[in-house]
Amino acid sequence: MRNTSETEKFLEFLVKERNMLLHGSRTDFNGTINPKYSKGGIVSVTDVPQIALLNAILSDDVKLHFGTLIDQNHLITAEGFNDEKIGNGFVYLVDRRLFAPGSYQSNTIVPILGKLPVRKYDFVYPVYDLDHQKLIIG
């Protein structure tokens, strides 16, 4: 069994049982997510809580590398990291019905159904800084 945080378990429940998608960001949005404040002018959402949590605690300009599994046995690596690029953030809950099946991006304003504040410690998997050769999470 994998090690998960209570936050991750809650997000998994919302995705599976409440048909939500997730958007992680360090930006504090209220009511809607505006693509003009998102990376590349696109609002990206996911059904993978670990990805939403990573996006919530790391700055957009940190380049992440990971495989199809995110757990204690599969290392995530990061480039372009420094201590200012990690912090508290938010995971936003959005309605899956706003997105076409298999398409998790929008260039229009996306209404927020809920907002969950998160901290670095809500992400429990190891992330390795390739630039400085050290673990930054985990």
Protein backbone atom coordinates (compact mmCIF):
# COMPACT_ATOMS: atom_id res chain seq x y z
CA MET A 1 0.00 0.00 0.00
CA ARG A 2 1.34 3.45 -0.88
CA ASN A 3 1.87 6.23 1.59
CA THR A 4 -0.66 9.02 1.02
CA SER A 5 -1.62 12.19 2.84
CA GLU A 6 -5.13 12.81 4.11
CA THR A 7 -5.35 15.67 1.61
CA GLU A 8 -4.52 13.33 -1.27
CA LYS A 9 -7.12 10.80 -0.08
CA PHE A 10 -9.76 13.54 0.07
CA LEU A 11 -8.89 14.74 -3.44
CA GLU A 12 -9.05 11.15 -4.76
CA PHE A 13 -12.54 10.86 -3.25
CA LEU A 14 -13.67 14.08 -4.95
CA VAL A 15 -12.34 12.95 -8.33
CA LYS A 16 -13.80 9.44 -8.16
CA GLU A 17 -17.02 9.95 -6.24
CA ARG A 18 -17.97 13.56 -7.05
CA ASN A 19 -16.74 13.68 -10.66
CA MET A 20 -14.45 16.66 -10.04
CA LEU A 21 -11.28 17.71 -11.82
CA LEU A 22 -8.44 19.50 -10.05
CA HIS A 23 -6.32 22.57 -10.75
CA GLY A 24 -3.27 23.19 -8.56
CA SER A 25 -1.79 26.67 -8.28
CA ARG A 26 0.08 28.98 -5.92
CA THR A 27 -2.23 31.77 -7.15
CA ASP A 28 -5.19 32.59 -4.90
CA PHE A 29 -8.14 32.69 -7.32
CA ASN A 30 -11.63 33.67 -6.17
CA GLY A 31 -14.69 32.36 -7.99
CA THR A 32 -13.04 31.61 -11.34
CA ILE A 33 -9.70 30.64 -12.83
CA ASN A 34 -8.76 33.09 -15.55
CA PRO A 35 -6.46 31.64 -18.24
CA LYS A 36 -4.60 34.95 -18.59
CA TYR A 37 -3.08 34.21 -15.16
CA SER A 38 -2.21 30.60 -16.01
CA LYS A 39 0.90 29.22 -17.67
CA GLY A 40 0.63 29.62 -21.44
CA GLY A 41 -2.81 31.24 -21.19
CA ILE A 42 -4.38 27.81 -20.67
CA VAL A 43 -6.20 26.47 -17.61
CA SER A 44 -4.99 22.89 -17.17
CA VAL A 45 -6.84 20.48 -14.92
CA THR A 46 -6.18 16.88 -13.93
CA ASP A 47 -7.85 13.86 -12.40
CA VAL A 48 -4.58 12.93 -10.63
CA PRO A 49 -4.40 14.43 -7.11
CA GLN A 50 -0.60 14.12 -6.93
CA ILE A 51 -0.17 16.34 -10.01
CA ALA A 52 -2.61 18.93 -8.65
CA LEU A 53 -0.73 18.96 -5.33
CA LEU A 54 2.64 19.40 -7.06
CA ASN A 55 1.28 22.27 -9.15
CA ALA A 56 -0.14 23.86 -6.00
CA ILE A 57 3.14 23.91 -4.06
CA LEU A 58 5.71 24.53 -6.83
CA SER A 59 6.12 27.58 -9.05
CA ASP A 60 5.11 27.23 -12.69
CA ASP A 61 8.68 27.63 -13.90
CA VAL A 62 9.99 24.51 -12.11
CA LYS A 63 10.34 21.81 -14.77
CA LEU A 64 9.16 18.43 -13.46
CA HIS A 65 9.88 14.95 -14.82
CA PHE A 66 7.82 11.95 -13.74
CA GLY A 67 6.45 8.73 -15.16
CA THR A 68 2.96 7.31 -15.18
CA LEU A 69 3.19 6.33 -11.50
CA ILE A 70 3.72 8.78 -8.66
CA ASP A 71 4.57 6.96 -5.46
CA GLN A 72 7.43 6.31 -3.00
CA ASN A 73 9.20 4.03 -5.49
CA HIS A 74 9.19 6.35 -8.52
CA LEU A 75 11.35 9.42 -8.18
CA ILE A 76 10.14 12.77 -9.48
CA THR A 77 12.91 15.10 -10.61
CA ALA A 78 12.89 18.89 -10.85
CA GLU A 79 14.97 21.49 -12.69
CA GLY A 80 15.07 25.23 -12.10
CA PHE A 81 14.28 24.92 -8.40
CA ASN A 82 15.24 27.20 -5.52
CA ASP A 83 13.72 27.65 -2.05
CA GLU A 84 11.49 30.52 -3.20
CA LYS A 85 9.78 28.23 -5.71
CA ILE A 86 8.07 26.04 -3.14
CA GLY A 87 5.36 27.06 -0.73
CA ASN A 88 1.71 26.95 0.16
CA GLY A 89 -0.89 26.89 -2.58
CA PHE A 90 -4.38 25.80 -3.50
CA VAL A 91 -6.10 22.91 -5.23
CA TYR A 92 -9.23 24.12 -7.00
CA LEU A 93 -12.20 21.88 -7.69
CA VAL A 94 -13.84 22.22 -11.08
CA ASP A 95 -16.73 20.49 -12.80
CA ARG A 96 -15.60 17.70 -15.12
CA ARG A 97 -18.57 18.42 -17.40
CA LEU A 98 -16.94 21.69 -18.49
CA PHE A 99 -14.23 19.72 -20.29
CA ALA A 100 -14.56 17.43 -23.29
CA PRO A 101 -13.70 13.80 -22.52
CA GLY A 102 -9.93 13.39 -22.57
CA SER A 103 -9.36 17.16 -22.85
CA TYR A 104 -8.18 18.74 -19.66
CA GLN A 105 -7.35 22.24 -20.93
CA SER A 106 -9.38 25.39 -21.48
CA ASN A 107 -8.59 28.84 -22.83
CA THR A 108 -11.76 30.28 -21.26
CA ILE A 109 -12.57 31.30 -17.70
CA VAL A 110 -13.30 28.24 -15.53
CA PRO A 111 -15.73 28.50 -12.55
CA ILE A 112 -14.39 27.20 -9.23
CA LEU A 113 -16.61 24.87 -7.19
CA GLY A 114 -14.24 24.71 -4.23
CA LYS A 115 -10.78 25.70 -3.04
CA LEU A 116 -8.55 23.62 -0.75
CA PRO A 117 -5.47 25.29 0.78
CA VAL A 118 -2.46 22.95 0.72
CA ARG A 119 1.08 22.91 2.14
CA LYS A 120 4.34 21.33 1.02
CA TYR A 121 3.77 18.50 3.50
CA ASP A 122 0.54 17.44 1.80
CA PHE A 123 2.71 15.99 -0.98
CA VAL A 124 4.41 12.90 0.45
CA TYR A 125 6.46 11.60 -2.49
CA PRO A 126 10.17 12.26 -3.10
CA VAL A 127 11.15 15.07 -5.46
CA TYR A 128 14.83 15.35 -6.38
CA ASP A 129 16.44 18.64 -7.45
CA LEU A 130 18.67 17.80 -10.44
CA ASP A 131 20.40 21.21 -10.37
CA HIS A 132 21.53 21.00 -6.73
CA GLN A 133 21.62 17.18 -6.41
CA LYS A 134 19.40 16.95 -3.32
CA LEU A 135 15.90 15.95 -2.23
CA ILE A 136 13.57 18.94 -1.98
CA ILE A 137 10.55 16.93 -0.85
CA GLY A 138 10.54 13.54 0.79
